[in-house]
Protein backbone atom coordinates (compact mmCIF):
# COMPACT_ATOMS: atom_id res chain seq x y z
CA UNK A 1 0.00 0.00 0.00
CA UNK A 2 1.49 3.31 -1.09
CA UNK A 3 0.28 6.44 0.67
CA UNK A 4 0.72 9.88 -0.80
CA UNK A 5 2.39 12.25 1.63
CA UNK A 6 0.45 15.50 1.79
CA UNK A 7 1.72 18.80 3.17
CA UNK A 8 0.99 19.27 6.87
CA UNK A 9 -0.92 22.50 6.21
CA UNK A 10 -3.34 20.57 3.99
CA UNK A 11 -3.89 17.96 6.70
CA UNK A 12 -4.43 20.68 9.33
CA UNK A 13 -6.97 22.47 7.14
CA UNK A 14 -8.90 19.25 6.54
CA UNK A 15 -8.84 18.40 10.26
CA UNK A 16 -10.17 21.84 11.21
CA UNK A 17 -12.95 21.60 8.61
CA UNK A 18 -13.95 18.21 10.04
CA UNK A 19 -13.91 19.53 13.59
CA UNK A 20 -16.13 22.47 12.60
CA UNK A 21 -18.51 20.17 10.78
CA UNK A 22 -18.78 17.59 13.56
CA UNK A 23 -18.48 19.78 16.68
CA UNK A 24 -19.58 23.21 15.49
CA UNK A 25 -17.34 26.25 15.52
CA UNK A 26 -17.56 27.03 19.25
CA UNK A 27 -16.75 23.52 20.48
CA UNK A 28 -14.07 23.07 17.83
CA UNK A 29 -12.34 26.24 19.01
CA UNK A 30 -12.67 25.14 22.64
CA UNK A 31 -11.09 21.82 21.70
CA UNK A 32 -8.19 23.45 19.85
CA UNK A 33 -7.50 25.98 22.63
CA UNK A 34 -6.52 23.23 25.03
CA UNK A 35 -3.39 22.64 22.92
CA UNK A 36 -2.07 26.19 23.12
CA UNK A 37 0.30 27.30 25.86
CA UNK A 38 -0.96 30.82 26.21
CA UNK A 39 1.35 33.62 27.25
CA UNK A 40 2.29 35.83 30.16
CA UNK A 41 2.65 35.06 33.85
CA UNK A 42 -0.81 34.74 35.38
CA UNK A 43 0.58 34.59 38.92
CA UNK A 44 2.16 38.04 38.56
CA UNK A 45 -0.80 39.45 36.62
CA UNK A 46 -3.23 38.15 39.24
CA UNK A 47 -1.38 40.07 41.95
CA UNK A 48 -1.93 43.29 39.99
CA UNK A 49 -5.50 42.58 38.85
CA UNK A 50 -6.78 41.55 42.26
CA UNK A 51 -4.59 43.73 44.49
CA UNK A 52 -6.45 45.01 47.55
CA UNK A 53 -9.69 43.23 46.56
CA UNK A 54 -11.52 40.81 48.77
CA UNK A 55 -13.33 37.77 47.44
CA UNK A 56 -16.60 39.61 48.10
CA UNK A 57 -15.38 42.58 46.01
CA UNK A 58 -14.65 40.24 43.11
CA UNK A 59 -18.01 38.47 43.46
CA UNK A 60 -19.81 41.83 43.50
CA UNK A 61 -18.03 42.90 40.31
CA UNK A 62 -18.98 39.65 38.58
CA UNK A 63 -22.61 40.03 39.63
CA UNK A 64 -22.68 43.64 38.39
CA UNK A 65 -21.26 42.57 35.00
CA UNK A 66 -23.85 39.81 34.69
CA UNK A 67 -26.69 42.25 35.43
CA UNK A 68 -25.32 44.73 32.90
CA UNK A 69 -25.32 42.13 30.09
CA UNK A 70 -28.94 41.03 30.61
PDB file of N, CA and C in Angstrom:
ATOM      1  N   UNK A   1       0.842  -1.180   0.000  1.00  0.00           N
ATOM      2  CA  UNK A   1       0.000   0.000   0.000  1.00  0.00           C
ATOM      3  C   UNK A   1       0.884   1.240   0.000  1.00  0.00           C
ATOM      4  N   UNK A   2       0.717   2.080  -0.986  1.00  0.00           N
ATOM      5  CA  UNK A   2       1.493   3.311  -1.093  1.00  0.00           C
ATOM      6  C   UNK A   2       0.581   4.480  -0.730  1.00  0.00           C
ATOM      7  N   UNK A   3       1.039   5.286   0.207  1.00  0.00           N
ATOM      8  CA  UNK A   3       0.276   6.439   0.667  1.00  0.00           C
ATOM      9  C   UNK A   3       0.961   7.707   0.205  1.00  0.00           C
ATOM     10  N   UNK A   4       0.185   8.601  -0.368  1.00  0.00           N
ATOM     11  CA  UNK A   4       0.717   9.885  -0.801  1.00  0.00           C
ATOM     12  C   UNK A   4       0.931  10.761   0.428  1.00  0.00           C
ATOM     13  N   UNK A   5       2.097  11.366   0.514  1.00  0.00           N
ATOM     14  CA  UNK A   5       2.392  12.254   1.632  1.00  0.00           C
ATOM     15  C   UNK A   5       1.922  13.652   1.253  1.00  0.00           C
ATOM     16  N   UNK A   6       0.997  14.165   2.045  1.00  0.00           N
ATOM     17  CA  UNK A   6       0.451  15.499   1.791  1.00  0.00           C
ATOM     18  C   UNK A   6       1.134  16.505   2.710  1.00  0.00           C
ATOM     19  N   UNK A   7       1.150  17.762   2.301  1.00  0.00           N
ATOM     20  CA  UNK A   7       1.720  18.802   3.168  1.00  0.00           C
ATOM     21  C   UNK A   7       0.929  18.889   4.476  1.00  0.00           C
ATOM     22  N   UNK A   8       1.614  19.185   5.559  1.00  0.00           N
ATOM     23  CA  UNK A   8       0.990  19.266   6.875  1.00  0.00           C
ATOM     24  C   UNK A   8      -0.105  20.337   6.917  1.00  0.00           C
ATOM     25  N   UNK A   9       0.093  21.446   6.221  1.00  0.00           N
ATOM     26  CA  UNK A   9      -0.924  22.496   6.206  1.00  0.00           C
ATOM     27  C   UNK A   9      -2.233  21.981   5.625  1.00  0.00           C
ATOM     28  N   UNK A  10      -2.140  21.143   4.609  1.00  0.00           N
ATOM     29  CA  UNK A  10      -3.338  20.569   3.987  1.00  0.00           C
ATOM     30  C   UNK A  10      -4.069  19.638   4.961  1.00  0.00           C
ATOM     31  N   UNK A  11      -3.309  18.855   5.701  1.00  0.00           N
ATOM     32  CA  UNK A  11      -3.892  17.955   6.699  1.00  0.00           C
ATOM     33  C   UNK A  11      -4.545  18.766   7.816  1.00  0.00           C
ATOM     34  N   UNK A  12      -3.870  19.820   8.274  1.00  0.00           N
ATOM     35  CA  UNK A  12      -4.428  20.678   9.327  1.00  0.00           C
ATOM     36  C   UNK A  12      -5.732  21.327   8.877  1.00  0.00           C
ATOM     37  N   UNK A  13      -5.761  21.825   7.649  1.00  0.00           N
ATOM     38  CA  UNK A  13      -6.974  22.466   7.139  1.00  0.00           C
ATOM     39  C   UNK A  13      -8.133  21.469   7.072  1.00  0.00           C
ATOM     40  N   UNK A  14      -7.864  20.265   6.610  1.00  0.00           N
ATOM     41  CA  UNK A  14      -8.905  19.245   6.544  1.00  0.00           C
ATOM     42  C   UNK A  14      -9.389  18.880   7.947  1.00  0.00           C
ATOM     43  N   UNK A  15      -8.476  18.746   8.881  1.00  0.00           N
ATOM     44  CA  UNK A  15      -8.845  18.395  10.255  1.00  0.00           C
ATOM     45  C   UNK A  15      -9.728  19.481  10.874  1.00  0.00           C
ATOM     46  N   UNK A  16      -9.377  20.737  10.658  1.00  0.00           N
ATOM     47  CA  UNK A  16     -10.168  21.844  11.212  1.00  0.00           C
ATOM     48  C   UNK A  16     -11.553  21.874  10.580  1.00  0.00           C
ATOM     49  N   UNK A  17     -11.641  21.659   9.268  1.00  0.00           N
ATOM     50  CA  UNK A  17     -12.954  21.601   8.611  1.00  0.00           C
ATOM     51  C   UNK A  17     -13.808  20.492   9.206  1.00  0.00           C
ATOM     52  N   UNK A  18     -13.209  19.328   9.447  1.00  0.00           N
ATOM     53  CA  UNK A  18     -13.950  18.208  10.036  1.00  0.00           C
ATOM     54  C   UNK A  18     -14.405  18.513  11.460  1.00  0.00           C
ATOM     55  N   UNK A  19     -13.529  19.144  12.231  1.00  0.00           N
ATOM     56  CA  UNK A  19     -13.910  19.525  13.590  1.00  0.00           C
ATOM     57  C   UNK A  19     -15.089  20.499  13.574  1.00  0.00           C
ATOM     58  N   UNK A  20     -15.027  21.509  12.709  1.00  0.00           N
ATOM     59  CA  UNK A  20     -16.127  22.474  12.598  1.00  0.00           C
ATOM     60  C   UNK A  20     -17.426  21.774  12.225  1.00  0.00           C
ATOM     61  N   UNK A  21     -17.325  20.873  11.263  1.00  0.00           N
ATOM     62  CA  UNK A  21     -18.511  20.172  10.778  1.00  0.00           C
ATOM     63  C   UNK A  21     -19.120  19.290  11.865  1.00  0.00           C
ATOM     64  N   UNK A  22     -18.294  18.567  12.584  1.00  0.00           N
ATOM     65  CA  UNK A  22     -18.780  17.594  13.562  1.00  0.00           C
ATOM     66  C   UNK A  22     -19.105  18.209  14.923  1.00  0.00           C
ATOM     67  N   UNK A  23     -18.312  19.201  15.344  1.00  0.00           N
ATOM     68  CA  UNK A  23     -18.484  19.779  16.678  1.00  0.00           C
ATOM     69  C   UNK A  23     -19.175  21.135  16.668  1.00  0.00           C
ATOM     70  N   UNK A  24     -19.146  21.819  15.545  1.00  0.00           N
ATOM     71  CA  UNK A  24     -19.581  23.208  15.495  1.00  0.00           C
ATOM     72  C   UNK A  24     -18.380  24.093  15.798  1.00  0.00           C
ATOM     73  N   UNK A  25     -18.475  25.343  15.400  1.00  0.00           N
ATOM     74  CA  UNK A  25     -17.336  26.254  15.522  1.00  0.00           C
ATOM     75  C   UNK A  25     -16.921  26.459  16.982  1.00  0.00           C
ATOM     76  N   UNK A  26     -17.881  26.713  17.854  1.00  0.00           N
ATOM     77  CA  UNK A  26     -17.557  27.030  19.250  1.00  0.00           C
ATOM     78  C   UNK A  26     -16.840  25.866  19.927  1.00  0.00           C
ATOM     79  N   UNK A  27     -17.391  24.671  19.829  1.00  0.00           N
ATOM     80  CA  UNK A  27     -16.755  23.523  20.485  1.00  0.00           C
ATOM     81  C   UNK A  27     -15.436  23.140  19.818  1.00  0.00           C
ATOM     82  N   UNK A  28     -15.332  23.337  18.510  1.00  0.00           N
ATOM     83  CA  UNK A  28     -14.066  23.066  17.828  1.00  0.00           C
ATOM     84  C   UNK A  28     -12.975  24.000  18.339  1.00  0.00           C
ATOM     85  N   UNK A  29     -13.309  25.273  18.490  1.00  0.00           N
ATOM     86  CA  UNK A  29     -12.338  26.243  19.009  1.00  0.00           C
ATOM     87  C   UNK A  29     -11.969  25.897  20.450  1.00  0.00           C
ATOM     88  N   UNK A  30     -12.958  25.541  21.259  1.00  0.00           N
ATOM     89  CA  UNK A  30     -12.668  25.144  22.645  1.00  0.00           C
ATOM     90  C   UNK A  30     -11.721  23.943  22.673  1.00  0.00           C
ATOM     91  N   UNK A  31     -11.950  22.991  21.781  1.00  0.00           N
ATOM     92  CA  UNK A  31     -11.088  21.818  21.699  1.00  0.00           C
ATOM     93  C   UNK A  31      -9.665  22.219  21.325  1.00  0.00           C
ATOM     94  N   UNK A  32      -9.521  23.062  20.320  1.00  0.00           N
ATOM     95  CA  UNK A  32      -8.190  23.454  19.853  1.00  0.00           C
ATOM     96  C   UNK A  32      -7.437  24.302  20.876  1.00  0.00           C
ATOM     97  N   UNK A  33      -8.159  25.110  21.653  1.00  0.00           N
ATOM     98  CA  UNK A  33      -7.503  25.979  22.634  1.00  0.00           C
ATOM     99  C   UNK A  33      -6.768  25.200  23.723  1.00  0.00           C
ATOM    100  N   UNK A  34      -7.187  23.980  23.980  1.00  0.00           N
ATOM    101  CA  UNK A  34      -6.517  23.227  25.035  1.00  0.00           C
ATOM    102  C   UNK A  34      -5.088  22.827  24.651  1.00  0.00           C
ATOM    103  N   UNK A  35      -4.733  22.999  23.377  1.00  0.00           N
ATOM    104  CA  UNK A  35      -3.392  22.644  22.925  1.00  0.00           C
ATOM    105  C   UNK A  35      -2.464  23.843  22.788  1.00  0.00           C
ATOM    106  N   UNK A  36      -2.936  25.020  23.185  1.00  0.00           N
ATOM    107  CA  UNK A  36      -2.075  26.194  23.124  1.00  0.00           C
ATOM    108  C   UNK A  36      -1.535  26.497  24.521  1.00  0.00           C
ATOM    109  N   UNK A  37      -0.343  27.033  24.576  1.00  0.00           N
ATOM    110  CA  UNK A  37       0.300  27.302  25.858  1.00  0.00           C
ATOM    111  C   UNK A  37      -0.132  28.618  26.473  1.00  0.00           C
ATOM    112  N   UNK A  38      -0.638  29.510  25.674  1.00  0.00           N
ATOM    113  CA  UNK A  38      -0.960  30.825  26.211  1.00  0.00           C
ATOM    114  C   UNK A  38       0.311  31.651  26.351  1.00  0.00           C
ATOM    115  N   UNK A  39       0.186  32.750  27.098  1.00  0.00           N
ATOM    116  CA  UNK A  39       1.352  33.620  27.253  1.00  0.00           C
ATOM    117  C   UNK A  39       1.220  34.396  28.547  1.00  0.00           C
ATOM    118  N   UNK A  40       2.294  35.018  28.948  1.00  0.00           N
ATOM    119  CA  UNK A  40       2.286  35.829  30.159  1.00  0.00           C
ATOM    120  C   UNK A  40       2.522  34.998  31.411  1.00  0.00           C
ATOM    121  N   UNK A  41       2.464  35.686  32.542  1.00  0.00           N
ATOM    122  CA  UNK A  41       2.650  35.057  33.846  1.00  0.00           C
ATOM    123  C   UNK A  41       1.426  35.386  34.689  1.00  0.00           C
ATOM    124  N   UNK A  42       0.447  34.482  34.705  1.00  0.00           N
ATOM    125  CA  UNK A  42      -0.815  34.744  35.380  1.00  0.00           C
ATOM    126  C   UNK A  42      -0.619  35.026  36.866  1.00  0.00           C
ATOM    127  N   UNK A  43       0.347  34.374  37.489  1.00  0.00           N
ATOM    128  CA  UNK A  43       0.575  34.594  38.917  1.00  0.00           C
ATOM    129  C   UNK A  43       0.913  36.052  39.190  1.00  0.00           C
ATOM    130  N   UNK A  44       1.794  36.625  38.388  1.00  0.00           N
ATOM    131  CA  UNK A  44       2.155  38.041  38.560  1.00  0.00           C
ATOM    132  C   UNK A  44       0.998  38.955  38.174  1.00  0.00           C
ATOM    133  N   UNK A  45       0.330  38.630  37.069  1.00  0.00           N
ATOM    134  CA  UNK A  45      -0.799  39.449  36.617  1.00  0.00           C
ATOM    135  C   UNK A  45      -1.925  39.441  37.642  1.00  0.00           C
ATOM    136  N   UNK A  46      -2.172  38.288  38.243  1.00  0.00           N
ATOM    137  CA  UNK A  46      -3.233  38.153  39.243  1.00  0.00           C
ATOM    138  C   UNK A  46      -2.979  39.070  40.432  1.00  0.00           C
ATOM    139  N   UNK A  47      -1.723  39.190  40.830  1.00  0.00           N
ATOM    140  CA  UNK A  47      -1.383  40.066  41.954  1.00  0.00           C
ATOM    141  C   UNK A  47      -1.744  41.515  41.649  1.00  0.00           C
ATOM    142  N   UNK A  48      -1.587  41.920  40.392  1.00  0.00           N
ATOM    143  CA  UNK A  48      -1.928  43.288  39.995  1.00  0.00           C
ATOM    144  C   UNK A  48      -3.443  43.439  39.840  1.00  0.00           C
ATOM    145  N   UNK A  49      -4.060  42.491  39.145  1.00  0.00           N
ATOM    146  CA  UNK A  49      -5.495  42.577  38.850  1.00  0.00           C
ATOM    147  C   UNK A  49      -6.331  42.578  40.125  1.00  0.00           C
ATOM    148  N   UNK A  50      -5.972  41.719  41.062  1.00  0.00           N
ATOM    149  CA  UNK A  50      -6.783  41.547  42.263  1.00  0.00           C
ATOM    150  C   UNK A  50      -6.179  42.187  43.514  1.00  0.00           C
ATOM    151  N   UNK A  51      -5.222  43.071  43.338  1.00  0.00           N
ATOM    152  CA  UNK A  51      -4.592  43.730  44.489  1.00  0.00           C
ATOM    153  C   UNK A  51      -5.637  44.475  45.309  1.00  0.00           C
ATOM    154  N   UNK A  52      -5.568  44.309  46.610  1.00  0.00           N
ATOM    155  CA  UNK A  52      -6.448  45.014  47.555  1.00  0.00           C
ATOM    156  C   UNK A  52      -7.934  44.729  47.357  1.00  0.00           C
ATOM    157  N   UNK A  53      -8.283  43.604  46.744  1.00  0.00           N
ATOM    158  CA  UNK A  53      -9.687  43.235  46.564  1.00  0.00           C
ATOM    159  C   UNK A  53      -9.975  41.983  47.379  1.00  0.00           C
ATOM    160  N   UNK A  54     -11.092  42.007  48.038  1.00  0.00           N
ATOM    161  CA  UNK A  54     -11.524  40.810  48.773  1.00  0.00           C
ATOM    162  C   UNK A  54     -12.285  39.900  47.805  1.00  0.00           C
ATOM    163  N   UNK A  55     -12.528  38.693  48.241  1.00  0.00           N
ATOM    164  CA  UNK A  55     -13.327  37.775  47.437  1.00  0.00           C
ATOM    165  C   UNK A  55     -14.713  38.374  47.212  1.00  0.00           C
ATOM    166  N   UNK A  56     -15.268  38.988  48.234  1.00  0.00           N
ATOM    167  CA  UNK A  56     -16.596  39.605  48.098  1.00  0.00           C
ATOM    168  C   UNK A  56     -16.578  40.737  47.073  1.00  0.00           C
ATOM    169  N   UNK A  57     -15.498  41.522  47.026  1.00  0.00           N
ATOM    170  CA  UNK A  57     -15.376  42.578  46.012  1.00  0.00           C
ATOM    171  C   UNK A  57     -15.429  41.979  44.606  1.00  0.00           C
ATOM    172  N   UNK A  58     -14.702  40.904  44.414  1.00  0.00           N
ATOM    173  CA  UNK A  58     -14.646  40.244  43.105  1.00  0.00           C
ATOM    174  C   UNK A  58     -16.014  39.682  42.742  1.00  0.00           C
ATOM    175  N   UNK A  59     -16.671  39.026  43.698  1.00  0.00           N
ATOM    176  CA  UNK A  59     -18.008  38.471  43.461  1.00  0.00           C
ATOM    177  C   UNK A  59     -18.982  39.585  43.088  1.00  0.00           C
ATOM    178  N   UNK A  60     -18.924  40.689  43.791  1.00  0.00           N
ATOM    179  CA  UNK A  60     -19.811  41.826  43.501  1.00  0.00           C
ATOM    180  C   UNK A  60     -19.587  42.363  42.089  1.00  0.00           C
ATOM    181  N   UNK A  61     -18.336  42.441  41.668  1.00  0.00           N
ATOM    182  CA  UNK A  61     -18.032  42.903  40.312  1.00  0.00           C
ATOM    183  C   UNK A  61     -18.592  41.946  39.267  1.00  0.00           C
ATOM    184  N   UNK A  62     -18.453  40.648  39.510  1.00  0.00           N
ATOM    185  CA  UNK A  62     -18.984  39.646  38.579  1.00  0.00           C
ATOM    186  C   UNK A  62     -20.500  39.768  38.483  1.00  0.00           C
ATOM    187  N   UNK A  63     -21.152  39.896  39.622  1.00  0.00           N
ATOM    188  CA  UNK A  63     -22.613  40.025  39.633  1.00  0.00           C
ATOM    189  C   UNK A  63     -23.054  41.286  38.897  1.00  0.00           C
ATOM    190  N   UNK A  64     -22.339  42.382  39.073  1.00  0.00           N
ATOM    191  CA  UNK A  64     -22.676  43.635  38.390  1.00  0.00           C
ATOM    192  C   UNK A  64     -22.518  43.480  36.874  1.00  0.00           C
ATOM    193  N   UNK A  65     -21.467  42.796  36.438  1.00  0.00           N
ATOM    194  CA  UNK A  65     -21.258  42.566  35.000  1.00  0.00           C
ATOM    195  C   UNK A  65     -22.383  41.709  34.424  1.00  0.00           C
ATOM    196  N   UNK A  66     -22.788  40.684  35.166  1.00  0.00           N
ATOM    197  CA  UNK A  66     -23.853  39.810  34.688  1.00  0.00           C
ATOM    198  C   UNK A  66     -25.169  40.571  34.550  1.00  0.00           C
ATOM    199  N   UNK A  67     -25.459  41.459  35.500  1.00  0.00           N
ATOM    200  CA  UNK A  67     -26.691  42.248  35.432  1.00  0.00           C
ATOM    201  C   UNK A  67     -26.642  43.203  34.249  1.00  0.00           C
ATOM    202  N   UNK A  68     -25.463  43.758  33.978  1.00  0.00           N
ATOM    203  CA  UNK A  68     -25.319  44.729  32.898  1.00  0.00           C
ATOM    204  C   UNK A  68     -25.508  44.093  31.526  1.00  0.00           C
ATOM    205  N   UNK A  69     -25.224  42.789  31.397  1.00  0.00           N
ATOM    206  CA  UNK A  69     -25.320  42.133  30.094  1.00  0.00           C
ATOM    207  C   UNK A  69     -26.700  41.525  29.840  1.00  0.00           C
ATOM    208  N   UNK A  70     -27.593  41.602  30.806  1.00  0.00           N
ATOM    209  CA  UNK A  70     -28.938  41.031  30.615  1.00  0.00           C
ATOM    210  C   UNK A  70     -29.836  41.963  29.863  1.00  0.00           C
TER     211      UNK A  70
END
